[in-house]
Amino acid sequence: MRPKTQTRLSVLLLCLLLICLPAMGCGRKDSPAGESGSTPSPDGSATPLEQLPDKDMEGFEMTFLNYTDAAHGFSLKTIVPEESTTSLNKAIFTRNTYVETRYSAVILEEQTDTMLETLNKYTLAGTDEKYHVAMIFDQKVVSAIVAGSLRTWDGLSYCNLDSPWWNDSASGCFMLGEGQYGAVGDFSLSIYSKNYCYFFNKALFSTIPEQESPYDLVNSGEWTLDKMLEIAEAYTMDLDGDGLWYDGTDQYGLAGTTKVHYQMVLTGAGISFVERDASGNPYFAWKDNAYILERVTNIIGKFNDTVGYYNNNPSSPNGSIISTEFLDGHVLMLASTVWNMTDYQNYDVNIGVLPAPKYNSDQESYYSVSVGGVIGCIPRGIPEEDTENVGILLEAMSCYSRDRVIPEYREVLLKTRYASDPEDSEMLQLIFDTTVFDPGVVTWSLDIRTPIMADIFNDLNSGVASYINTIAPRVEEAINSSIYGGEN
């Protein structure tokens, strides 16, 4: 375990920053500042951030347990930046400074290479450390619950998970057994960095001038699976004339690894692996569900009938996300993640950003899946007398971030070499705003998502119903064996 990384500001620096800091709120950025640093709403009332109690916490230290970059370097997990050299780190630093100063508190972070081991030692064996929030890899949260290392979020006063700066879909994903064991608030940008999205090559798209703008299709609600495949077909060409497809030398309309591309298609079509019954209990949604099975079978059929999709790593449903064919200008659209967007700064490719398509135009909303980030969890060993302070601080950090930190992150992403069109900012915001979590993708990924991607989508197996009947018993066993593993 690495030594503790702490960020403390001297009292003098805090005071100076507070004097210079504009009033912060979760309302409009251009709201006029009121007296005493409050930010009034149009009706004269305080914004949600200012409605939180002004409590003097007398130097209370809230400590996050987080991963080292070596242990989890594939999402944006920064809570306490060690340096404020980049504009995003400066925004996070300023947020922490504001919250620390307002509440006379200190926000600390300890990093570890062995999250579950460190957490279990703290909660089960007892150590001299004190952790208030553990930022756990989403697919490992259930392991911490089963180990008895987490408590529910009940009792965190003022921490309102129904607020817009908390992701209600994530709340549902981590509602297991007795209560809420994990939550995603805007205090962490991790889930935003792990949103799946499609990148498209603008220069390649312009080679067929009569094509309708994908931005216009999204905005009109007509960005559908059929439309995406239609465009993909139009740009798929046998460039070397050898009559062979998918040898890496031709031009493809659509590319991506199985687990990223098909997960986007499923989530975009409103299909979840796990849903909840009337009592709130999770269940395997594909079992005996004619609607889902028919829709999934139709999706398999659509991709069996097209040459527009190229799997750049067919030997594995996981594979590499970055496609050299896309960077070389041989792929129009690439299924990827927001995390990979900054990788394109070093390549001569003019990229745009698109969400997952709807299944059809009758579908009311777009849906964007996020998986692979870290989730805020409350260790079982947290002292009861600390819960109110932790709740206030997390709520304040999340509320502040909604209008101050997230927009900065979006702008950082768009400061790649070419992705600068206003439409790309709108697309990113749409992706962020429509993020959903599926327990079958996160909580029980190894039991559900992994085998389905390998056995159904990697091979485009049309025998969906019979396959689901085969795996359903072990999926249900996995859900039932872990759902009641935690204790309050």
Protein backbone atom coordinates (compact mmCIF):
# COMPACT_ATOMS: atom_id res chain seq x y z
CA MET A 1 0.00 0.00 0.00
CA ARG A 2 1.35 3.40 -0.92
CA PRO A 3 1.77 6.09 1.72
CA LYS A 4 -1.10 8.50 2.21
CA THR A 5 -1.43 11.31 -0.31
CA GLN A 6 -2.98 14.29 1.42
CA THR A 7 -3.93 17.75 0.24
CA ARG A 8 -4.06 20.45 2.89
CA LEU A 9 -4.27 24.19 2.44
CA SER A 10 -2.91 26.63 4.94
CA VAL A 11 -5.46 28.82 6.69
CA LEU A 12 -4.03 31.91 4.99
CA LEU A 13 -4.26 30.41 1.50
CA LEU A 14 -7.77 29.21 2.17
CA CYS A 15 -8.86 32.66 3.26
CA LEU A 16 -7.27 34.31 0.25
CA LEU A 17 -8.90 31.85 -2.12
CA LEU A 18 -12.25 32.29 -0.47
CA ILE A 19 -12.05 36.05 -0.89
CA CYS A 20 -11.21 35.64 -4.58
CA LEU A 21 -13.66 32.83 -5.25
CA PRO A 22 -16.92 33.84 -6.94
CA ALA A 23 -20.15 32.66 -5.40
CA MET A 24 -20.85 29.11 -6.45
CA GLY A 25 -24.17 27.42 -7.10
CA CYS A 26 -25.85 24.70 -9.07
CA GLY A 27 -28.04 27.18 -10.91
CA ARG A 28 -27.13 29.32 -13.92
CA LYS A 29 -23.50 30.35 -14.20
CA ASP A 30 -24.49 33.96 -14.92
CA SER A 31 -26.73 34.33 -11.85
CA PRO A 32 -25.85 37.55 -10.02
CA ALA A 33 -24.08 37.07 -6.72
CA GLY A 34 -26.12 38.02 -3.70
CA GLU A 35 -24.98 39.19 -0.30
CA SER A 36 -22.75 37.00 1.83
CA GLY A 37 -21.60 35.05 -1.23
CA SER A 38 -24.97 33.40 -1.88
CA THR A 39 -26.26 32.87 -5.41
CA PRO A 40 -29.97 33.68 -5.64
CA SER A 41 -32.34 31.89 -8.00
CA PRO A 42 -34.67 33.91 -10.28
CA ASP A 43 -37.30 33.86 -7.49
CA GLY A 44 -34.80 35.22 -5.00
CA SER A 45 -34.21 31.98 -3.15
CA ALA A 46 -30.79 30.45 -2.66
CA THR A 47 -29.49 27.80 -5.05
CA PRO A 48 -29.29 24.18 -3.85
CA LEU A 49 -25.63 24.55 -2.91
CA GLU A 50 -26.40 27.51 -0.66
CA GLN A 51 -29.37 25.72 0.90
CA LEU A 52 -27.01 23.28 2.56
CA PRO A 53 -26.31 24.13 6.20
CA ASP A 54 -23.34 26.32 7.00
CA LYS A 55 -21.77 24.07 9.58
CA ASP A 56 -18.40 24.69 11.19
CA MET A 57 -16.82 21.23 11.13
CA GLU A 58 -13.80 22.44 13.10
CA GLY A 59 -11.15 20.87 10.88
CA PHE A 60 -12.99 17.60 10.22
CA GLU A 61 -10.99 15.41 7.82
CA MET A 62 -12.91 13.40 5.21
CA THR A 63 -10.70 10.74 3.65
CA PHE A 64 -11.28 9.01 0.33
CA LEU A 65 -9.71 5.61 -0.28
CA ASN A 66 -8.89 5.49 -3.98
CA TYR A 67 -6.80 3.46 -6.42
CA THR A 68 -3.32 4.28 -7.60
CA ASP A 69 -2.94 4.91 -11.32
CA ALA A 70 -1.17 1.57 -11.62
CA ALA A 71 -4.17 -0.22 -10.12
CA HIS A 72 -6.85 1.73 -11.98
CA GLY A 73 -5.48 3.90 -14.75
CA PHE A 74 -8.35 3.43 -17.19
CA SER A 75 -10.77 6.10 -15.97
CA LEU A 76 -10.61 9.62 -14.62
CA LYS A 77 -10.66 9.02 -10.85
CA THR A 78 -9.14 12.25 -9.53
CA ILE A 79 -10.71 13.47 -6.28
CA VAL A 80 -7.79 15.39 -4.79
CA PRO A 81 -5.36 16.59 -7.49
CA GLU A 82 -1.76 16.60 -6.36
CA GLU A 83 -1.09 19.55 -8.66
CA SER A 84 -3.39 22.12 -10.21
CA THR A 85 -1.47 22.57 -13.45
CA THR A 86 -4.26 21.59 -15.86
CA SER A 87 -7.53 23.49 -16.22
CA LEU A 88 -9.52 20.45 -15.09
CA ASN A 89 -7.37 19.88 -12.03
CA LYS A 90 -7.67 23.56 -11.25
CA ALA A 91 -11.46 23.25 -11.38
CA ILE A 92 -11.41 20.24 -9.03
CA PHE A 93 -8.88 21.99 -6.79
CA THR A 94 -11.07 25.10 -6.63
CA ARG A 95 -14.12 22.99 -5.80
CA ASN A 96 -12.30 21.29 -2.95
CA THR A 97 -11.01 24.63 -1.70
CA TYR A 98 -14.49 26.13 -1.68
CA VAL A 99 -16.00 23.20 0.20
CA GLU A 100 -13.10 22.94 2.65
CA THR A 101 -13.24 26.64 3.41
CA ARG A 102 -16.99 26.88 3.74
CA TYR A 103 -17.15 24.01 6.22
CA SER A 104 -13.77 24.31 7.93
CA ALA A 105 -13.03 20.80 6.74
CA VAL A 106 -10.20 19.01 4.94
CA ILE A 107 -10.59 16.65 1.97
CA LEU A 108 -7.94 13.93 1.93
CA GLU A 109 -7.15 10.95 -0.23
CA GLU A 110 -5.22 7.74 0.36
CA GLN A 111 -4.30 5.60 -2.61
CA THR A 112 -3.86 1.85 -2.66
CA ASP A 113 -2.99 -0.84 -5.16
CA THR A 114 -5.15 -3.36 -3.30
CA MET A 115 -8.52 -1.73 -2.70
CA LEU A 116 -10.53 -4.67 -1.37
CA GLU A 117 -7.69 -5.97 0.80
CA THR A 118 -7.11 -2.52 2.29
CA LEU A 119 -10.83 -1.97 2.82
CA ASN A 120 -11.35 -5.37 4.42
CA LYS A 121 -8.48 -4.82 6.82
CA TYR A 122 -10.01 -1.52 7.88
CA THR A 123 -13.59 -2.70 8.28
CA LEU A 124 -13.11 -6.28 9.45
CA ALA A 125 -9.76 -6.44 11.20
CA GLY A 126 -9.58 -2.86 12.41
CA THR A 127 -6.70 -0.50 11.66
CA ASP A 128 -5.59 2.93 12.79
CA GLU A 129 -6.70 4.45 9.48
CA LYS A 130 -10.06 6.10 8.93
CA TYR A 131 -11.74 6.00 5.50
CA HIS A 132 -15.06 7.72 4.90
CA VAL A 133 -15.55 6.97 1.19
CA ALA A 134 -14.08 4.07 -0.78
CA MET A 135 -13.92 4.57 -4.55
CA ILE A 136 -14.34 0.97 -5.75
CA PHE A 137 -14.12 -0.36 -9.32
CA ASP A 138 -17.77 -0.86 -10.28
CA GLN A 139 -17.44 -4.59 -10.99
CA LYS A 140 -15.87 -5.15 -7.54
CA VAL A 141 -18.55 -3.45 -5.44
CA VAL A 142 -20.52 -6.66 -4.98
CA SER A 143 -17.36 -8.39 -3.68
CA ALA A 144 -17.04 -5.73 -0.98
CA ILE A 145 -20.72 -6.17 -0.10
CA VAL A 146 -20.39 -9.94 0.21
CA ALA A 147 -17.30 -9.47 2.39
CA GLY A 148 -19.34 -7.26 4.71
CA SER A 149 -17.03 -4.28 4.24
CA LEU A 150 -19.69 -1.73 3.27
CA ARG A 151 -22.58 -0.05 4.99
CA THR A 152 -25.54 1.51 3.21
CA TRP A 153 -25.86 5.21 2.50
CA ASP A 154 -28.67 5.50 5.06
CA GLY A 155 -27.86 8.06 7.68
CA LEU A 156 -25.77 10.38 5.51
CA SER A 157 -27.78 13.49 6.32
CA TYR A 158 -28.28 16.08 3.57
CA CYS A 159 -26.96 13.65 0.94
CA ASN A 160 -29.96 13.56 -1.40
CA LEU A 161 -29.48 10.87 -4.05
CA ASP A 162 -32.62 12.13 -5.83
CA SER A 163 -30.84 15.38 -6.75
CA PRO A 164 -29.76 15.84 -10.38
CA TRP A 165 -26.08 15.75 -9.42
CA TRP A 166 -26.53 12.09 -8.40
CA ASN A 167 -27.12 9.42 -11.03
CA ASP A 168 -30.40 7.69 -10.17
CA SER A 169 -29.69 4.85 -12.59
CA ALA A 170 -26.50 4.08 -10.68
CA SER A 171 -28.43 4.23 -7.44
CA GLY A 172 -30.66 1.46 -8.76
CA CYS A 173 -27.67 -0.57 -9.88
CA PHE A 174 -26.14 -0.64 -6.41
CA MET A 175 -29.36 -1.12 -4.46
CA LEU A 176 -28.71 -4.61 -3.17
CA GLY A 177 -30.30 -6.53 -0.34
CA GLU A 178 -30.81 -4.14 2.53
CA GLY A 179 -30.13 -0.86 0.81
CA GLN A 180 -27.94 1.48 -1.20
CA TYR A 181 -24.33 0.27 -1.19
CA GLY A 182 -22.88 2.51 -3.87
CA ALA A 183 -23.73 5.84 -5.43
CA VAL A 184 -22.44 7.96 -8.28
CA GLY A 185 -22.31 11.68 -7.73
CA ASP A 186 -20.78 14.43 -9.81
CA PHE A 187 -17.98 14.78 -7.24
CA SER A 188 -16.26 12.06 -9.33
CA LEU A 189 -15.83 12.24 -13.10
CA SER A 190 -15.02 8.55 -13.40
CA ILE A 191 -18.34 7.42 -14.89
CA TYR A 192 -18.27 10.25 -17.41
CA SER A 193 -14.85 9.17 -18.60
CA LYS A 194 -16.14 5.61 -19.07
CA ASN A 195 -19.19 6.50 -21.12
CA TYR A 196 -19.28 4.55 -24.36
CA CYS A 197 -19.64 6.61 -27.53
CA TYR A 198 -19.03 6.52 -31.27
CA PHE A 199 -16.30 8.63 -32.83
CA PHE A 200 -16.63 9.44 -36.52
CA ASN A 201 -14.09 10.65 -39.04
CA LYS A 202 -15.38 13.99 -40.35
CA ALA A 203 -13.03 14.10 -43.32
CA LEU A 204 -14.10 10.64 -44.44
CA PHE A 205 -17.76 11.49 -43.89
CA SER A 206 -17.46 14.50 -46.21
CA THR A 207 -16.51 12.25 -49.14
CA ILE A 208 -20.23 11.56 -49.69
CA PRO A 209 -21.68 15.08 -49.66
CA GLU A 210 -25.33 14.04 -49.88
CA GLN A 211 -25.24 12.20 -46.56
CA GLU A 212 -27.44 13.74 -43.88
CA SER A 213 -25.51 15.12 -40.93
CA PRO A 214 -25.43 12.62 -38.05
CA TYR A 215 -25.76 15.58 -35.68
CA ASP A 216 -29.06 16.50 -37.36
CA LEU A 217 -30.21 12.89 -37.13
CA VAL A 218 -29.50 12.83 -33.40
CA ASN A 219 -31.27 16.13 -32.80
CA SER A 220 -34.32 15.09 -34.81
CA GLY A 221 -34.59 11.78 -32.97
CA GLU A 222 -33.82 9.81 -36.14
CA TRP A 223 -30.39 8.49 -35.15
CA THR A 224 -31.45 4.83 -35.11
CA LEU A 225 -29.75 1.47 -35.53
CA ASP A 226 -31.06 1.12 -39.09
CA LYS A 227 -29.85 4.61 -40.01
CA MET A 228 -26.41 3.93 -38.54
CA LEU A 229 -26.11 0.69 -40.51
CA GLU A 230 -27.33 2.41 -43.66
CA ILE A 231 -24.59 5.02 -43.33
CA ALA A 232 -22.03 2.35 -42.47
CA GLU A 233 -22.92 0.40 -45.63
CA ALA A 234 -22.52 3.53 -47.76
CA TYR A 235 -18.93 4.01 -46.62
CA THR A 236 -17.83 0.35 -46.73
CA MET A 237 -15.69 -0.25 -49.81
CA ASP A 238 -13.40 -2.98 -51.16
CA LEU A 239 -10.51 -0.60 -51.77
CA ASP A 240 -8.00 -3.19 -52.99
CA GLY A 241 -10.53 -4.97 -55.21
CA ASP A 242 -9.60 -8.44 -53.98
CA GLY A 243 -13.17 -9.34 -53.08
CA LEU A 244 -12.20 -9.95 -49.47
CA TRP A 245 -13.61 -8.05 -46.54
CA TYR A 246 -12.23 -7.43 -43.08
CA ASP A 247 -8.57 -7.91 -43.95
CA GLY A 248 -7.65 -4.44 -42.65
CA THR A 249 -6.93 -2.99 -46.09
CA ASP A 250 -10.42 -1.88 -47.07
CA GLN A 251 -12.74 0.90 -45.90
CA TYR A 252 -15.35 0.21 -43.23
CA GLY A 253 -18.36 2.18 -42.11
CA LEU A 254 -18.35 0.93 -38.54
CA ALA A 255 -15.78 -0.76 -36.30
CA GLY A 256 -15.24 -1.66 -32.69
CA THR A 257 -14.72 -4.53 -30.32
CA THR A 258 -17.60 -6.81 -29.41
CA LYS A 259 -18.03 -5.75 -25.81
CA VAL A 260 -18.01 -2.02 -26.56
CA HIS A 261 -19.93 -1.86 -29.83
CA TYR A 262 -22.67 -4.37 -29.03
CA GLN A 263 -23.06 -3.10 -25.48
CA MET A 264 -23.74 0.33 -26.97
CA VAL A 265 -26.28 -1.15 -29.36
CA LEU A 266 -28.08 -3.03 -26.57
CA THR A 267 -28.16 -0.15 -24.12
CA GLY A 268 -29.02 2.31 -26.88
CA ALA A 269 -32.01 0.11 -27.73
CA GLY A 270 -33.21 0.30 -24.13
CA ILE A 271 -32.29 -3.31 -23.35
CA SER A 272 -30.96 -4.20 -19.90
CA PHE A 273 -29.61 -7.52 -18.71
CA VAL A 274 -31.00 -7.04 -15.20
CA GLU A 275 -34.18 -5.27 -14.15
CA ARG A 276 -36.17 -5.03 -10.91
CA ASP A 277 -39.54 -6.49 -10.02
CA ALA A 278 -42.39 -4.70 -8.22
CA SER A 279 -40.70 -5.37 -4.89
CA GLY A 280 -37.42 -3.86 -6.05
CA ASN A 281 -35.58 -7.16 -6.35
CA PRO A 282 -33.18 -7.61 -9.31
CA TYR A 283 -33.81 -10.42 -11.77
CA PHE A 284 -32.38 -11.67 -15.08
CA ALA A 285 -34.53 -9.72 -17.52
CA TRP A 286 -33.81 -11.86 -20.59
CA LYS A 287 -35.25 -15.07 -19.17
CA ASP A 288 -38.64 -15.87 -20.74
CA ASN A 289 -38.93 -12.29 -22.03
CA ALA A 290 -40.28 -12.57 -25.56
CA TYR A 291 -39.96 -8.84 -26.20
CA ILE A 292 -36.24 -8.69 -25.34
CA LEU A 293 -35.39 -11.99 -27.02
CA GLU A 294 -37.13 -10.93 -30.23
CA ARG A 295 -35.42 -7.55 -30.25
CA VAL A 296 -31.99 -9.07 -29.60
CA THR A 297 -32.57 -11.68 -32.32
CA ASN A 298 -33.49 -8.86 -34.72
CA ILE A 299 -30.27 -7.03 -33.84
CA ILE A 300 -28.25 -10.18 -34.53
CA GLY A 301 -30.03 -10.51 -37.88
CA LYS A 302 -29.28 -6.92 -38.85
CA PHE A 303 -25.56 -7.42 -38.29
CA ASN A 304 -25.56 -10.78 -40.03
CA ASP A 305 -27.00 -9.00 -43.08
CA THR A 306 -24.47 -6.17 -43.24
CA VAL A 307 -20.87 -5.82 -44.38
CA GLY A 308 -20.72 -2.36 -42.82
CA TYR A 309 -19.46 -3.49 -39.40
CA TYR A 310 -15.85 -4.53 -38.88
CA ASN A 311 -14.75 -6.14 -35.62
CA ASN A 312 -11.16 -5.02 -35.31
CA ASN A 313 -10.38 -7.84 -32.85
CA PRO A 314 -12.65 -10.79 -33.66
CA SER A 315 -10.65 -13.28 -31.62
CA SER A 316 -11.78 -11.71 -28.34
CA PRO A 317 -14.95 -9.98 -27.15
CA ASN A 318 -12.71 -7.70 -25.09
CA GLY A 319 -9.87 -6.75 -27.42
CA SER A 320 -8.33 -3.35 -27.96
CA ILE A 321 -10.65 -0.37 -28.17
CA ILE A 322 -8.37 1.83 -30.25
CA SER A 323 -8.56 0.87 -33.92
CA THR A 324 -5.55 1.58 -36.08
CA GLU A 325 -7.87 1.43 -39.08
CA PHE A 326 -9.81 4.38 -37.67
CA LEU A 327 -6.66 6.38 -37.07
CA ASP A 328 -5.49 5.58 -40.60
CA GLY A 329 -8.72 6.88 -42.12
CA HIS A 330 -10.15 3.47 -43.09
CA VAL A 331 -13.09 3.52 -40.63
CA LEU A 332 -15.92 6.05 -40.55
CA MET A 333 -17.35 5.28 -37.08
CA LEU A 334 -15.56 3.66 -34.15
CA ALA A 335 -17.16 2.35 -30.97
CA SER A 336 -14.99 3.60 -28.12
CA THR A 337 -15.12 5.42 -24.79
CA VAL A 338 -14.90 9.05 -23.77
CA TRP A 339 -11.71 8.09 -21.91
CA ASN A 340 -10.01 7.44 -25.24
CA MET A 341 -10.91 10.81 -26.71
CA THR A 342 -7.75 12.57 -25.60
CA ASP A 343 -5.68 9.82 -27.24
CA TYR A 344 -6.57 11.36 -30.59
CA GLN A 345 -4.69 14.56 -29.82
CA ASN A 346 -1.60 12.90 -31.26
CA TYR A 347 -3.20 11.76 -34.50
CA ASP A 348 -4.14 13.56 -37.67
CA VAL A 349 -7.82 12.66 -37.58
CA ASN A 350 -10.75 15.08 -37.48
CA ILE A 351 -13.23 13.41 -35.15
CA GLY A 352 -16.83 13.94 -34.16
CA VAL A 353 -18.77 12.39 -31.28
CA LEU A 354 -22.08 10.52 -31.42
CA PRO A 355 -24.25 8.66 -28.88
CA ALA A 356 -25.48 5.10 -29.27
CA PRO A 357 -28.42 4.95 -31.69
CA LYS A 358 -32.00 4.24 -30.69
CA TYR A 359 -33.48 0.91 -31.73
CA ASN A 360 -36.05 2.82 -33.83
CA SER A 361 -37.52 6.31 -34.07
CA ASP A 362 -40.47 5.37 -31.84
CA GLN A 363 -38.10 5.09 -28.89
CA GLU A 364 -38.43 8.22 -26.79
CA SER A 365 -34.91 8.60 -25.45
CA TYR A 366 -31.28 7.92 -26.22
CA TYR A 367 -29.40 5.81 -23.68
CA SER A 368 -25.66 5.81 -22.98
CA VAL A 369 -23.93 3.07 -21.03
CA SER A 370 -21.07 3.61 -18.61
CA VAL A 371 -18.93 0.82 -17.21
CA GLY A 372 -15.41 0.58 -15.81
CA GLY A 373 -15.41 3.57 -13.48
CA VAL A 374 -15.08 3.82 -9.71
CA ILE A 375 -18.13 4.03 -7.46
CA GLY A 376 -18.48 5.88 -4.17
CA CYS A 377 -19.07 3.43 -1.29
CA ILE A 378 -19.25 3.93 2.47
CA PRO A 379 -17.00 1.64 4.53
CA ARG A 380 -18.70 -0.21 7.33
CA GLY A 381 -16.23 1.13 9.87
CA ILE A 382 -17.13 4.81 9.45
CA PRO A 383 -17.87 6.35 12.87
CA GLU A 384 -21.55 7.20 13.21
CA GLU A 385 -20.74 10.70 14.45
CA ASP A 386 -18.98 11.39 11.10
CA THR A 387 -21.93 10.55 8.85
CA GLU A 388 -23.58 13.98 8.90
CA ASN A 389 -20.36 15.76 7.93
CA VAL A 390 -19.66 13.24 5.18
CA GLY A 391 -23.18 13.63 3.79
CA ILE A 392 -22.94 17.43 3.71
CA LEU A 393 -19.50 17.42 2.10
CA LEU A 394 -20.39 14.87 -0.60
CA GLU A 395 -23.58 16.74 -1.44
CA ALA A 396 -21.72 20.05 -1.66
CA MET A 397 -18.94 18.58 -3.82
CA SER A 398 -21.44 16.95 -6.19
CA CYS A 399 -23.70 19.98 -6.44
CA TYR A 400 -20.77 22.32 -7.10
CA SER A 401 -19.39 19.99 -9.78
CA ARG A 402 -22.59 19.87 -11.79
CA ASP A 403 -22.20 23.36 -13.26
CA ARG A 404 -18.51 24.00 -12.63
CA VAL A 405 -16.40 20.88 -13.03
CA ILE A 406 -18.32 18.77 -15.56
CA PRO A 407 -18.45 21.61 -18.15
CA GLU A 408 -14.70 22.02 -17.74
CA TYR A 409 -14.18 18.31 -18.38
CA ARG A 410 -16.32 18.51 -21.50
CA GLU A 411 -14.25 21.41 -22.78
CA VAL A 412 -11.00 19.58 -22.02
CA LEU A 413 -12.22 16.66 -24.12
CA LEU A 414 -13.10 18.97 -26.97
CA LYS A 415 -9.66 20.55 -26.96
CA THR A 416 -8.29 17.66 -28.95
CA ARG A 417 -6.64 18.54 -32.21
CA TYR A 418 -9.86 18.79 -34.20
CA ALA A 419 -12.97 18.03 -32.13
CA SER A 420 -14.07 21.63 -31.71
CA ASP A 421 -17.49 21.91 -33.36
CA PRO A 422 -20.31 23.14 -31.09
CA GLU A 423 -22.27 20.04 -32.08
CA ASP A 424 -19.66 17.83 -30.41
CA SER A 425 -20.17 19.64 -27.13
CA GLU A 426 -23.91 19.04 -27.45
CA MET A 427 -23.37 15.37 -28.23
CA LEU A 428 -21.10 14.93 -25.22
CA GLN A 429 -23.63 16.60 -22.96
CA LEU A 430 -26.37 14.34 -24.36
CA ILE A 431 -24.20 11.29 -23.64
CA PHE A 432 -23.53 12.51 -20.10
CA ASP A 433 -27.20 13.32 -19.48
CA THR A 434 -28.49 9.94 -20.69
CA THR A 435 -26.03 7.73 -18.81
CA VAL A 436 -27.59 4.52 -17.48
CA PHE A 437 -26.24 1.65 -15.44
CA ASP A 438 -27.16 -1.98 -15.88
CA PRO A 439 -26.35 -4.37 -13.01
CA GLY A 440 -25.80 -7.08 -15.62
CA VAL A 441 -23.02 -4.96 -17.12
CA VAL A 442 -21.53 -3.88 -13.81
CA THR A 443 -22.52 -5.88 -10.74
CA TRP A 444 -22.80 -9.30 -12.36
CA SER A 445 -20.70 -8.64 -15.44
CA LEU A 446 -18.72 -11.88 -15.31
CA ASP A 447 -21.89 -13.93 -14.94
CA ILE A 448 -24.00 -12.18 -17.59
CA ARG A 449 -22.35 -9.69 -19.91
CA THR A 450 -19.09 -11.56 -20.50
CA PRO A 451 -20.58 -14.91 -21.61
CA ILE A 452 -23.35 -13.30 -23.68
CA MET A 453 -20.86 -11.12 -25.53
CA ALA A 454 -18.58 -14.10 -26.18
CA ASP A 455 -21.19 -16.70 -27.12
CA ILE A 456 -23.90 -14.60 -28.78
CA PHE A 457 -22.50 -11.38 -30.20
CA ASN A 458 -18.94 -12.34 -31.01
CA ASP A 459 -20.26 -15.13 -33.26
CA LEU A 460 -23.58 -13.44 -34.14
CA ASN A 461 -25.39 -16.52 -32.89
CA SER A 462 -29.09 -16.30 -33.74
CA GLY A 463 -30.06 -18.99 -31.23
CA VAL A 464 -30.59 -16.39 -28.53
CA ALA A 465 -33.59 -17.93 -26.76
CA SER A 466 -32.10 -21.40 -26.33
CA TYR A 467 -28.79 -19.97 -25.13
CA ILE A 468 -30.49 -17.77 -22.53
CA ASN A 469 -32.44 -20.77 -21.24
CA THR A 470 -29.13 -22.59 -20.81
CA ILE A 471 -27.37 -19.90 -18.78
CA ALA A 472 -30.39 -18.61 -16.83
CA PRO A 473 -30.04 -21.01 -13.84
CA ARG A 474 -26.45 -20.03 -13.10
CA VAL A 475 -27.20 -16.33 -13.66
CA GLU A 476 -30.07 -16.49 -11.18
CA GLU A 477 -27.86 -18.32 -8.71
CA ALA A 478 -25.21 -15.60 -9.00
CA ILE A 479 -27.78 -12.87 -8.37
CA ASN A 480 -29.39 -14.66 -5.45
CA SER A 481 -26.10 -15.61 -3.80
CA SER A 482 -24.83 -12.05 -3.68
CA ILE A 483 -27.90 -9.87 -3.25
CA TYR A 484 -28.09 -10.37 0.50
CA GLY A 485 -24.38 -10.48 1.16
CA GLY A 486 -24.11 -7.06 2.84
CA GLU A 487 -25.23 -5.89 6.24
CA ASN A 488 -26.29 -2.46 7.31
